[in-house]
Amino acid sequence: MALTEPAVLVLTALVGESRHGYALISEVQELSGGRVTLSVGTLYGLLDRLTGEGLIARDREEVHAGRTRRYYRLTDDGAAALAAEAERLAQLAAAASGRLRAAGAV
C-alpha cells in the first residue's frame, strides 16, 4: 500500500520519539522543507486514520497550560510500512534518475 506524502512525513516524525499534534505539525513542516503545512483538521484526520490502520498508537496524555496534549508513537507495523514505502520511493527515484541519465537529460 502506498502512503500519502503527509502520512510518510507524520510516520517519519514519529521515528524515535512520541510527539503531540503541534509538534507533529512543526516537524512535518521542517522535514518537508516547508512544502507541507498540515492544518489541525487535516492532521487529526490523518492521525485517526493511521491509528485505525495500526501504524501509530496513542502513547500518553499530559496537561500543558490547561490543555490536554495527546502524544502518538510509531508502532512496529508503522515502522515496517514506513520502511517499505521508503524502499518503494527509492526504487522509483533510482529508475527515474537512471532513465534521465541514459537520455542525457541530467
PDB file of N, CA and C in Angstrom:
ATOM      1  N   MET A   1       0.847  -1.177   0.000  1.00  0.00           N
ATOM      2  CA  MET A   1       0.000   0.000   0.000  1.00  0.00           C
ATOM      3  C   MET A   1       0.891   1.237   0.000  1.00  0.00           C
ATOM      4  N   ALA A   2       0.676   2.130  -0.937  1.00  0.00           N
ATOM      5  CA  ALA A   2       1.417   3.382  -0.984  1.00  0.00           C
ATOM      6  C   ALA A   2       0.811   4.355   0.026  1.00  0.00           C
ATOM      7  N   LEU A   3       1.682   5.061   0.712  1.00  0.00           N
ATOM      8  CA  LEU A   3       1.246   6.050   1.692  1.00  0.00           C
ATOM      9  C   LEU A   3       1.283   7.435   1.059  1.00  0.00           C
ATOM     10  N   THR A   4       0.412   8.311   1.513  1.00  0.00           N
ATOM     11  CA  THR A   4       0.441   9.695   1.037  1.00  0.00           C
ATOM     12  C   THR A   4       1.671  10.390   1.615  1.00  0.00           C
ATOM     13  N   GLU A   5       2.076  11.480   0.970  1.00  0.00           N
ATOM     14  CA  GLU A   5       3.230  12.228   1.478  1.00  0.00           C
ATOM     15  C   GLU A   5       3.019  12.699   2.912  1.00  0.00           C
ATOM     16  N   PRO A   6       1.853  13.275   3.256  1.00  0.00           N
ATOM     17  CA  PRO A   6       1.662  13.665   4.655  1.00  0.00           C
ATOM     18  C   PRO A   6       1.769  12.485   5.626  1.00  0.00           C
ATOM     19  N   ALA A   7       1.263  11.322   5.232  1.00  0.00           N
ATOM     20  CA  ALA A   7       1.359  10.144   6.104  1.00  0.00           C
ATOM     21  C   ALA A   7       2.815   9.731   6.288  1.00  0.00           C
ATOM     22  N   VAL A   8       3.584   9.730   5.204  1.00  0.00           N
ATOM     23  CA  VAL A   8       5.008   9.394   5.302  1.00  0.00           C
ATOM     24  C   VAL A   8       5.714  10.372   6.232  1.00  0.00           C
ATOM     25  N   LEU A   9       5.400  11.647   6.091  1.00  0.00           N
ATOM     26  CA  LEU A   9       6.045  12.660   6.929  1.00  0.00           C
ATOM     27  C   LEU A   9       5.672  12.504   8.403  1.00  0.00           C
ATOM     28  N   VAL A  10       4.409  12.214   8.694  1.00  0.00           N
ATOM     29  CA  VAL A  10       3.990  12.010  10.092  1.00  0.00           C
ATOM     30  C   VAL A  10       4.672  10.771  10.668  1.00  0.00           C
ATOM     31  N   LEU A  11       4.690   9.679   9.915  1.00  0.00           N
ATOM     32  CA  LEU A  11       5.368   8.470  10.402  1.00  0.00           C
ATOM     33  C   LEU A  11       6.844   8.744  10.632  1.00  0.00           C
ATOM     34  N   THR A  12       7.473   9.466   9.717  1.00  0.00           N
ATOM     35  CA  THR A  12       8.889   9.803   9.862  1.00  0.00           C
ATOM     36  C   THR A  12       9.119  10.658  11.108  1.00  0.00           C
ATOM     37  N   ALA A  13       8.220  11.595  11.354  1.00  0.00           N
ATOM     38  CA  ALA A  13       8.338  12.469  12.524  1.00  0.00           C
ATOM     39  C   ALA A  13       8.241  11.681  13.829  1.00  0.00           C
ATOM     40  N   LEU A  14       7.606  10.524  13.782  1.00  0.00           N
ATOM     41  CA  LEU A  14       7.424   9.722  14.989  1.00  0.00           C
ATOM     42  C   LEU A  14       8.525   8.679  15.199  1.00  0.00           C
ATOM     43  N   VAL A  15       9.468   8.586  14.268  1.00  0.00           N
ATOM     44  CA  VAL A  15      10.567   7.633  14.438  1.00  0.00           C
ATOM     45  C   VAL A  15      11.424   8.089  15.616  1.00  0.00           C
ATOM     46  N   GLY A  16      11.541   7.228  16.602  1.00  0.00           N
ATOM     47  CA  GLY A  16      12.424   7.504  17.726  1.00  0.00           C
ATOM     48  C   GLY A  16      11.827   8.263  18.894  1.00  0.00           C
ATOM     49  N   GLU A  17      10.668   8.913  18.700  1.00  0.00           N
ATOM     50  CA  GLU A  17      10.050   9.608  19.831  1.00  0.00           C
ATOM     51  C   GLU A  17       8.576   9.869  19.577  1.00  0.00           C
ATOM     52  N   SER A  18       7.827   9.909  20.666  1.00  0.00           N
ATOM     53  CA  SER A  18       6.409  10.248  20.540  1.00  0.00           C
ATOM     54  C   SER A  18       6.284  11.764  20.487  1.00  0.00           C
ATOM     55  N   ARG A  19       5.220  12.232  19.840  1.00  0.00           N
ATOM     56  CA  ARG A  19       5.000  13.673  19.685  1.00  0.00           C
ATOM     57  C   ARG A  19       3.510  13.968  19.799  1.00  0.00           C
ATOM     58  N   HIS A  20       3.205  15.193  20.192  1.00  0.00           N
ATOM     59  CA  HIS A  20       1.822  15.668  20.224  1.00  0.00           C
ATOM     60  C   HIS A  20       1.539  16.427  18.935  1.00  0.00           C
ATOM     61  N   GLY A  21       0.288  16.792  18.735  1.00  0.00           N
ATOM     62  CA  GLY A  21      -0.163  17.387  17.480  1.00  0.00           C
ATOM     63  C   GLY A  21       0.628  18.576  16.995  1.00  0.00           C
ATOM     64  N   TYR A  22       0.804  19.587  17.846  1.00  0.00           N
ATOM     65  CA  TYR A  22       1.519  20.782  17.403  1.00  0.00           C
ATOM     66  C   TYR A  22       2.958  20.451  17.032  1.00  0.00           C
ATOM     67  N   ALA A  23       3.604  19.580  17.801  1.00  0.00           N
ATOM     68  CA  ALA A  23       4.977  19.173  17.493  1.00  0.00           C
ATOM     69  C   ALA A  23       5.027  18.429  16.164  1.00  0.00           C
ATOM     70  N   LEU A  24       3.999  17.638  15.875  1.00  0.00           N
ATOM     71  CA  LEU A  24       3.954  16.936  14.591  1.00  0.00           C
ATOM     72  C   LEU A  24       3.817  17.924  13.431  1.00  0.00           C
ATOM     73  N   ILE A  25       2.957  18.918  13.590  1.00  0.00           N
ATOM     74  CA  ILE A  25       2.784  19.926  12.538  1.00  0.00           C
ATOM     75  C   ILE A  25       4.126  20.607  12.260  1.00  0.00           C
ATOM     76  N   SER A  26       4.828  20.983  13.316  1.00  0.00           N
ATOM     77  CA  SER A  26       6.124  21.650  13.170  1.00  0.00           C
ATOM     78  C   SER A  26       7.169  20.738  12.536  1.00  0.00           C
ATOM     79  N   GLU A  27       7.219  19.499  12.963  1.00  0.00           N
ATOM     80  CA  GLU A  27       8.206  18.552  12.442  1.00  0.00           C
ATOM     81  C   GLU A  27       7.937  18.212  10.981  1.00  0.00           C
ATOM     82  N   VAL A  28       6.676  18.049  10.618  1.00  0.00           N
ATOM     83  CA  VAL A  28       6.323  17.776   9.218  1.00  0.00           C
ATOM     84  C   VAL A  28       6.754  18.947   8.339  1.00  0.00           C
ATOM     85  N   GLN A  29       6.522  20.150   8.800  1.00  0.00           N
ATOM     86  CA  GLN A  29       6.930  21.327   8.024  1.00  0.00           C
ATOM     87  C   GLN A  29       8.445  21.343   7.851  1.00  0.00           C
ATOM     88  N   GLU A  30       9.172  21.029   8.925  1.00  0.00           N
ATOM     89  CA  GLU A  30      10.635  21.002   8.843  1.00  0.00           C
ATOM     90  C   GLU A  30      11.133  19.884   7.927  1.00  0.00           C
ATOM     91  N   LEU A  31      10.584  18.683   8.098  1.00  0.00           N
ATOM     92  CA  LEU A  31      11.007  17.550   7.270  1.00  0.00           C
ATOM     93  C   LEU A  31      10.766  17.796   5.780  1.00  0.00           C
ATOM     94  N   SER A  32       9.704  18.516   5.472  1.00  0.00           N
ATOM     95  CA  SER A  32       9.354  18.755   4.064  1.00  0.00           C
ATOM     96  C   SER A  32      10.011  20.013   3.497  1.00  0.00           C
ATOM     97  N   GLY A  33      10.851  20.645   4.284  1.00  0.00           N
ATOM     98  CA  GLY A  33      11.476  21.873   3.824  1.00  0.00           C
ATOM     99  C   GLY A  33      10.479  22.996   3.624  1.00  0.00           C
ATOM    100  N   GLY A  34       9.383  22.941   4.387  1.00  0.00           N
ATOM    101  CA  GLY A  34       8.360  23.978   4.312  1.00  0.00           C
ATOM    102  C   GLY A  34       7.312  23.765   3.235  1.00  0.00           C
ATOM    103  N   ARG A  35       7.439  22.686   2.453  1.00  0.00           N
ATOM    104  CA  ARG A  35       6.463  22.410   1.394  1.00  0.00           C
ATOM    105  C   ARG A  35       5.115  21.943   1.921  1.00  0.00           C
ATOM    106  N   VAL A  36       5.128  21.218   3.038  1.00  0.00           N
ATOM    107  CA  VAL A  36       3.893  20.650   3.576  1.00  0.00           C
ATOM    108  C   VAL A  36       3.585  21.300   4.917  1.00  0.00           C
ATOM    109  N   THR A  37       2.456  21.965   4.977  1.00  0.00           N
ATOM    110  CA  THR A  37       1.963  22.552   6.218  1.00  0.00           C
ATOM    111  C   THR A  37       0.599  21.939   6.494  1.00  0.00           C
ATOM    112  N   LEU A  38       0.527  21.139   7.532  1.00  0.00           N
ATOM    113  CA  LEU A  38      -0.724  20.462   7.865  1.00  0.00           C
ATOM    114  C   LEU A  38      -1.608  21.372   8.711  1.00  0.00           C
ATOM    115  N   SER A  39      -2.874  21.471   8.342  1.00  0.00           N
ATOM    116  CA  SER A  39      -3.832  22.160   9.208  1.00  0.00           C
ATOM    117  C   SER A  39      -4.170  21.215  10.359  1.00  0.00           C
ATOM    118  N   VAL A  40      -4.704  21.758  11.418  1.00  0.00           N
ATOM    119  CA  VAL A  40      -5.066  20.933  12.574  1.00  0.00           C
ATOM    120  C   VAL A  40      -6.083  19.873  12.162  1.00  0.00           C
ATOM    121  N   GLY A  41      -7.092  20.267  11.377  1.00  0.00           N
ATOM    122  CA  GLY A  41      -8.111  19.311  10.946  1.00  0.00           C
ATOM    123  C   GLY A  41      -7.539  18.189  10.105  1.00  0.00           C
ATOM    124  N   THR A  42      -6.643  18.531   9.186  1.00  0.00           N
ATOM    125  CA  THR A  42      -6.001  17.514   8.344  1.00  0.00           C
ATOM    126  C   THR A  42      -5.156  16.582   9.183  1.00  0.00           C
ATOM    127  N   LEU A  43      -4.380  17.159  10.114  1.00  0.00           N
ATOM    128  CA  LEU A  43      -3.527  16.332  10.961  1.00  0.00           C
ATOM    129  C   LEU A  43      -4.345  15.333  11.763  1.00  0.00           C
ATOM    130  N   TYR A  44      -5.408  15.804  12.437  1.00  0.00           N
ATOM    131  CA  TYR A  44      -6.152  14.883  13.298  1.00  0.00           C
ATOM    132  C   TYR A  44      -6.931  13.843  12.500  1.00  0.00           C
ATOM    133  N   GLY A  45      -7.364  14.190  11.298  1.00  0.00           N
ATOM    134  CA  GLY A  45      -7.958  13.180  10.419  1.00  0.00           C
ATOM    135  C   GLY A  45      -6.938  12.118  10.046  1.00  0.00           C
ATOM    136  N   LEU A  46      -5.728  12.559   9.733  1.00  0.00           N
ATOM    137  CA  LEU A  46      -4.651  11.634   9.394  1.00  0.00           C
ATOM    138  C   LEU A  46      -4.262  10.782  10.592  1.00  0.00           C
ATOM    139  N   LEU A  47      -4.163  11.395  11.776  1.00  0.00           N
ATOM    140  CA  LEU A  47      -3.836  10.622  12.982  1.00  0.00           C
ATOM    141  C   LEU A  47      -4.897   9.568  13.266  1.00  0.00           C
ATOM    142  N   ASP A  48      -6.168   9.911  13.086  1.00  0.00           N
ATOM    143  CA  ASP A  48      -7.247   8.930  13.285  1.00  0.00           C
ATOM    144  C   ASP A  48      -7.104   7.767  12.303  1.00  0.00           C
ATOM    145  N   ARG A  49      -6.805   8.084  11.036  1.00  0.00           N
ATOM    146  CA  ARG A  49      -6.660   7.036  10.019  1.00  0.00           C
ATOM    147  C   ARG A  49      -5.464   6.144  10.318  1.00  0.00           C
ATOM    148  N   LEU A  50      -4.319   6.750  10.633  1.00  0.00           N
ATOM    149  CA  LEU A  50      -3.116   5.961  10.925  1.00  0.00           C
ATOM    150  C   LEU A  50      -3.279   5.123  12.186  1.00  0.00           C
ATOM    151  N   THR A  51      -4.011   5.651  13.170  1.00  0.00           N
ATOM    152  CA  THR A  51      -4.305   4.876  14.381  1.00  0.00           C
ATOM    153  C   THR A  51      -5.203   3.696  14.035  1.00  0.00           C
ATOM    154  N   GLY A  52      -6.232   3.950  13.229  1.00  0.00           N
ATOM    155  CA  GLY A  52      -7.147   2.887  12.825  1.00  0.00           C
ATOM    156  C   GLY A  52      -6.460   1.788  12.029  1.00  0.00           C
ATOM    157  N   GLU A  53      -5.427   2.154  11.278  1.00  0.00           N
ATOM    158  CA  GLU A  53      -4.668   1.175  10.489  1.00  0.00           C
ATOM    159  C   GLU A  53      -3.584   0.488  11.319  1.00  0.00           C
ATOM    160  N   GLY A  54      -3.425   0.900  12.578  1.00  0.00           N
ATOM    161  CA  GLY A  54      -2.432   0.281  13.452  1.00  0.00           C
ATOM    162  C   GLY A  54      -1.007   0.748  13.200  1.00  0.00           C
ATOM    163  N   LEU A  55      -0.830   1.840  12.443  1.00  0.00           N
ATOM    164  CA  LEU A  55       0.517   2.316  12.128  1.00  0.00           C
ATOM    165  C   LEU A  55       1.075   3.229  13.221  1.00  0.00           C
ATOM    166  N   ILE A  56       0.180   3.857  13.973  1.00  0.00           N
ATOM    167  CA  ILE A  56       0.571   4.649  15.139  1.00  0.00           C
ATOM    168  C   ILE A  56      -0.378   4.298  16.280  1.00  0.00           C
ATOM    169  N   ALA A  57      -0.005   4.696  17.478  1.00  0.00           N
ATOM    170  CA  ALA A  57      -0.853   4.462  18.648  1.00  0.00           C
ATOM    171  C   ALA A  57      -0.735   5.660  19.581  1.00  0.00           C
ATOM    172  N   ARG A  58      -1.779   5.868  20.349  1.00  0.00           N
ATOM    173  CA  ARG A  58      -1.696   6.889  21.392  1.00  0.00           C
ATOM    174  C   ARG A  58      -0.693   6.421  22.418  1.00  0.00           C
ATOM    175  N   ASP A  59       0.169   7.344  22.831  1.00  0.00           N
ATOM    176  CA  ASP A  59       1.232   6.996  23.769  1.00  0.00           C
ATOM    177  C   ASP A  59       0.875   7.435  25.180  1.00  0.00           C
ATOM    178  N   ARG A  60       0.510   8.711  25.311  1.00  0.00           N
ATOM    179  CA  ARG A  60       0.165   9.244  26.635  1.00  0.00           C
ATOM    180  C   ARG A  60      -0.511  10.595  26.454  1.00  0.00           C
ATOM    181  N   GLU A  61      -1.027  11.109  27.550  1.00  0.00           N
ATOM    182  CA  GLU A  61      -1.597  12.456  27.566  1.00  0.00           C
ATOM    183  C   GLU A  61      -0.970  13.209  28.719  1.00  0.00           C
ATOM    184  N   GLU A  62      -0.820  14.514  28.525  1.00  0.00           N
ATOM    185  CA  GLU A  62      -0.367  15.366  29.619  1.00  0.00           C
ATOM    186  C   GLU A  62      -1.053  16.716  29.481  1.00  0.00           C
ATOM    187  N   VAL A  63      -1.201  17.386  30.595  1.00  0.00           N
ATOM    188  CA  VAL A  63      -1.826  18.704  30.590  1.00  0.00           C
ATOM    189  C   VAL A  63      -0.721  19.745  30.577  1.00  0.00           C
ATOM    190  N   HIS A  64      -0.835  20.669  29.631  1.00  0.00           N
ATOM    191  CA  HIS A  64       0.139  21.750  29.500  1.00  0.00           C
ATOM    192  C   HIS A  64      -0.630  23.053  29.320  1.00  0.00           C
ATOM    193  N   ALA A  65      -0.412  23.991  30.209  1.00  0.00           N
ATOM    194  CA  ALA A  65      -1.094  25.297  30.167  1.00  0.00           C
ATOM    195  C   ALA A  65      -2.612  25.118  30.112  1.00  0.00           C
ATOM    196  N   GLY A  66      -3.115  24.155  30.868  1.00  0.00           N
ATOM    197  CA  GLY A  66      -4.544  23.933  30.951  1.00  0.00           C
ATOM    198  C   GLY A  66      -5.150  23.154  29.799  1.00  0.00           C
ATOM    199  N   ARG A  67      -4.338  22.721  28.854  1.00  0.00           N
ATOM    200  CA  ARG A  67      -4.839  21.960  27.697  1.00  0.00           C
ATOM    201  C   ARG A  67      -4.217  20.572  27.685  1.00  0.00           C
ATOM    202  N   THR A  68      -5.003  19.607  27.260  1.00  0.00           N
ATOM    203  CA  THR A  68      -4.519  18.234  27.196  1.00  0.00           C
ATOM    204  C   THR A  68      -3.775  18.020  25.884  1.00  0.00           C
ATOM    205  N   ARG A  69      -2.561  17.520  25.992  1.00  0.00           N
ATOM    206  CA  ARG A  69      -1.773  17.138  24.823  1.00  0.00           C
ATOM    207  C   ARG A  69      -1.799  15.624  24.719  1.00  0.00           C
ATOM    208  N   ARG A  70      -2.193  15.133  23.556  1.00  0.00           N
ATOM    209  CA  ARG A  70      -2.197  13.700  23.312  1.00  0.00           C
ATOM    210  C   ARG A  70      -0.977  13.372  22.453  1.00  0.00           C
ATOM    211  N   TYR A  71      -0.163  12.467  22.943  1.00  0.00           N
ATOM    212  CA  TYR A  71       1.050  12.059  22.240  1.00  0.00           C
ATOM    213  C   TYR A  71       0.799  10.770  21.468  1.00  0.00           C
ATOM    214  N   TYR A  72       1.446  10.668  20.315  1.00  0.00           N
ATOM    215  CA  TYR A  72       1.343   9.486  19.466  1.00  0.00           C
ATOM    216  C   TYR A  72       2.728   8.899  19.272  1.00  0.00           C
ATOM    217  N   ARG A  73       2.770   7.583  19.059  1.00  0.00           N
ATOM    218  CA  ARG A  73       4.034   6.893  18.818  1.00  0.00           C
ATOM    219  C   ARG A  73       3.889   5.976  17.603  1.00  0.00           C
ATOM    220  N   LEU A  74       4.994   5.679  16.980  1.00  0.00           N
ATOM    221  CA  LEU A  74       5.038   4.765  15.851  1.00  0.00           C
ATOM    222  C   LEU A  74       4.946   3.332  16.369  1.00  0.00           C
ATOM    223  N   THR A  75       4.128   2.508  15.732  1.00  0.00           N
ATOM    224  CA  THR A  75       4.054   1.092  16.093  1.00  0.00           C
ATOM    225  C   THR A  75       5.054   0.308  15.241  1.00  0.00           C
ATOM    226  N   ASP A  76       5.240  -0.962  15.578  1.00  0.00           N
ATOM    227  CA  ASP A  76       6.102  -1.823  14.755  1.00  0.00           C
ATOM    228  C   ASP A  76       5.551  -1.924  13.336  1.00  0.00           C
ATOM    229  N   ASP A  77       4.219  -2.036  13.209  1.00  0.00           N
ATOM    230  CA  ASP A  77       3.613  -2.081  11.874  1.00  0.00           C
ATOM    231  C   ASP A  77       3.837  -0.772  11.125  1.00  0.00           C
ATOM    232  N   GLY A  78       3.800   0.344  11.851  1.00  0.00           N
ATOM    233  CA  GLY A  78       4.053   1.640  11.238  1.00  0.00           C
ATOM    234  C   GLY A  78       5.482   1.758  10.747  1.00  0.00           C
ATOM    235  N   ALA A  79       6.422   1.274  11.548  1.00  0.00           N
ATOM    236  CA  ALA A  79       7.831   1.304  11.136  1.00  0.00           C
ATOM    237  C   ALA A  79       8.041   0.433   9.900  1.00  0.00           C
ATOM    238  N   ALA A  80       7.387  -0.728   9.864  1.00  0.00           N
ATOM    239  CA  ALA A  80       7.511  -1.617   8.703  1.00  0.00           C
ATOM    240  C   ALA A  80       6.897  -0.972   7.459  1.00  0.00           C
ATOM    241  N   ALA A  81       5.746  -0.325   7.623  1.00  0.00           N
ATOM    242  CA  ALA A  81       5.097   0.344   6.490  1.00  0.00           C
ATOM    243  C   ALA A  81       5.949   1.501   5.984  1.00  0.00           C
ATOM    244  N   LEU A  82       6.551   2.249   6.904  1.00  0.00           N
ATOM    245  CA  LEU A  82       7.413   3.363   6.516  1.00  0.00           C
ATOM    246  C   LEU A  82       8.652   2.853   5.796  1.00  0.00           C
ATOM    247  N   ALA A  83       9.247   1.784   6.294  1.00  0.00           N
ATOM    248  CA  ALA A  83      10.425   1.203   5.644  1.00  0.00           C
ATOM    249  C   ALA A  83      10.085   0.715   4.228  1.00  0.00           C
ATOM    250  N   ALA A  84       8.937   0.067   4.079  1.00  0.00           N
ATOM    251  CA  ALA A  84       8.516  -0.413   2.760  1.00  0.00           C
ATOM    252  C   ALA A  84       8.275   0.754   1.802  1.00  0.00           C
ATOM    253  N   GLU A  85       7.653   1.828   2.302  1.00  0.00           N
ATOM    254  CA  GLU A  85       7.396   2.996   1.467  1.00  0.00           C
ATOM    255  C   GLU A  85       8.698   3.687   1.085  1.00  0.00           C
ATOM    256  N   ALA A  86       9.635   3.779   2.016  1.00  0.00           N
ATOM    257  CA  ALA A  86      10.939   4.381   1.714  1.00  0.00           C
ATOM    258  C   ALA A  86      11.655   3.581   0.628  1.00  0.00           C
ATOM    259  N   GLU A  87      11.588   2.275   0.708  1.00  0.00           N
ATOM    260  CA  GLU A  87      12.203   1.415  -0.316  1.00  0.00           C
ATOM    261  C   GLU A  87      11.510   1.598  -1.666  1.00  0.00           C
ATOM    262  N   ARG A  88      10.187   1.654  -1.664  1.00  0.00           N
ATOM    263  CA  ARG A  88       9.431   1.853  -2.907  1.00  0.00           C
ATOM    264  C   ARG A  88       9.814   3.176  -3.560  1.00  0.00           C
ATOM    265  N   LEU A  89       9.887   4.229  -2.767  1.00  0.00           N
ATOM    266  CA  LEU A  89      10.238   5.548  -3.291  1.00  0.00           C
ATOM    267  C   LEU A  89      11.682   5.587  -3.781  1.00  0.00           C
ATOM    268  N   ALA A  90      12.584   4.908  -3.075  1.00  0.00           N
ATOM    269  CA  ALA A  90      13.985   4.858  -3.501  1.00  0.00           C
ATOM    270  C   ALA A  90      14.109   4.154  -4.849  1.00  0.00           C
ATOM    271  N   GLN A  91      13.376   3.058  -5.037  1.00  0.00           N
ATOM    272  CA  GLN A  91      13.408   2.339  -6.308  1.00  0.00           C
ATOM    273  C   GLN A  91      12.841   3.192  -7.436  1.00  0.00           C
ATOM    274  N   LEU A  92      11.773   3.897  -7.155  1.00  0.00           N
ATOM    275  CA  LEU A  92      11.165   4.782  -8.143  1.00  0.00           C
ATOM    276  C   LEU A  92      12.126   5.908  -8.528  1.00  0.00           C
ATOM    277  N   ALA A  93      12.761   6.514  -7.524  1.00  0.00           N
ATOM    278  CA  ALA A  93      13.722   7.589  -7.788  1.00  0.00           C
ATOM    279  C   ALA A  93      14.918   7.070  -8.586  1.00  0.00           C
ATOM    280  N   ALA A  94      15.392   5.878  -8.265  1.00  0.00           N
ATOM    281  CA  ALA A  94      16.520   5.302  -8.995  1.00  0.00           C
ATOM    282  C   ALA A  94      16.147   5.040 -10.454  1.00  0.00           C
ATOM    283  N   ALA A  95      14.944   4.540 -10.685  1.00  0.00           N
ATOM    284  CA  ALA A  95      14.501   4.281 -12.060  1.00  0.00           C
ATOM    285  C   ALA A  95      14.396   5.586 -12.849  1.00  0.00           C
ATOM    286  N   ALA A  96      13.821   6.614 -12.239  1.00  0.00           N
ATOM    287  CA  ALA A  96      13.694   7.907 -12.918  1.00  0.00           C
ATOM    288  C   ALA A  96      15.065   8.507 -13.193  1.00  0.00           C
ATOM    289  N   SER A  97      15.953   8.473 -12.215  1.00  0.00           N
ATOM    290  CA  SER A  97      17.296   9.031 -12.398  1.00  0.00           C
ATOM    291  C   SER A  97      18.055   8.279 -13.484  1.00  0.00           C
ATOM    292  N   GLY A  98      17.935   6.964 -13.484  1.00  0.00           N
ATOM    293  CA  GLY A  98      18.609   6.146 -14.499  1.00  0.00           C
ATOM    294  C   GLY A  98      18.141   6.485 -15.899  1.00  0.00           C
ATOM    295  N   ARG A  99      16.868   6.641 -16.072  1.00  0.00           N
ATOM    296  CA  ARG A  99      16.339   6.992 -17.399  1.00  0.00           C
ATOM    297  C   ARG A  99      16.757   8.388 -17.823  1.00  0.00           C
ATOM    298  N   LEU A 100      16.757   9.314 -16.880  1.00  0.00           N
ATOM    299  CA  LEU A 100      17.177  10.685 -17.198  1.00  0.00           C
ATOM    300  C   LEU A 100      18.656  10.719 -17.603  1.00  0.00           C
ATOM    301  N   ARG A 101      19.496   9.986 -16.866  1.00  0.00           N
ATOM    302  CA  ARG A 101      20.933   9.909 -17.225  1.00  0.00           C
ATOM    303  C   ARG A 101      21.112   9.283 -18.598  1.00  0.00           C
ATOM    304  N   ALA A 102      20.406   8.180 -18.847  1.00  0.00           N
ATOM    305  CA  ALA A 102      20.527   7.472 -20.134  1.00  0.00           C
ATOM    306  C   ALA A 102      20.099   8.365 -21.298  1.00  0.00           C
ATOM    307  N   ALA A 103      19.142   9.237 -21.049  1.00  0.00           N
ATOM    308  CA  ALA A 103      18.655  10.125 -22.106  1.00  0.00           C
ATOM    309  C   ALA A 103      19.489  11.400 -22.200  1.00  0.00           C
ATOM    310  N   GLY A 104      20.481  11.528 -21.305  1.00  0.00           N
ATOM    311  CA  GLY A 104      21.312  12.737 -21.298  1.00  0.00           C
ATOM    312  C   GLY A 104      20.594  13.966 -20.788  1.00  0.00           C
ATOM    313  N   ALA A 105      19.524  13.743 -20.066  1.00  0.00           N
ATOM    314  CA  ALA A 105      18.721  14.865 -19.576  1.00  0.00           C
ATOM    315  C   ALA A 105      19.258  15.437 -18.266  1.00  0.00           C
ATOM    316  N   VAL A 106      20.216  14.738 -17.668  1.00  0.00           N
ATOM    317  CA  VAL A 106      20.769  15.232 -16.403  1.00  0.00           C
ATOM    318  C   VAL A 106      22.279  15.317 -16.517  1.00  0.00           C
TER     319      VAL A 106
END
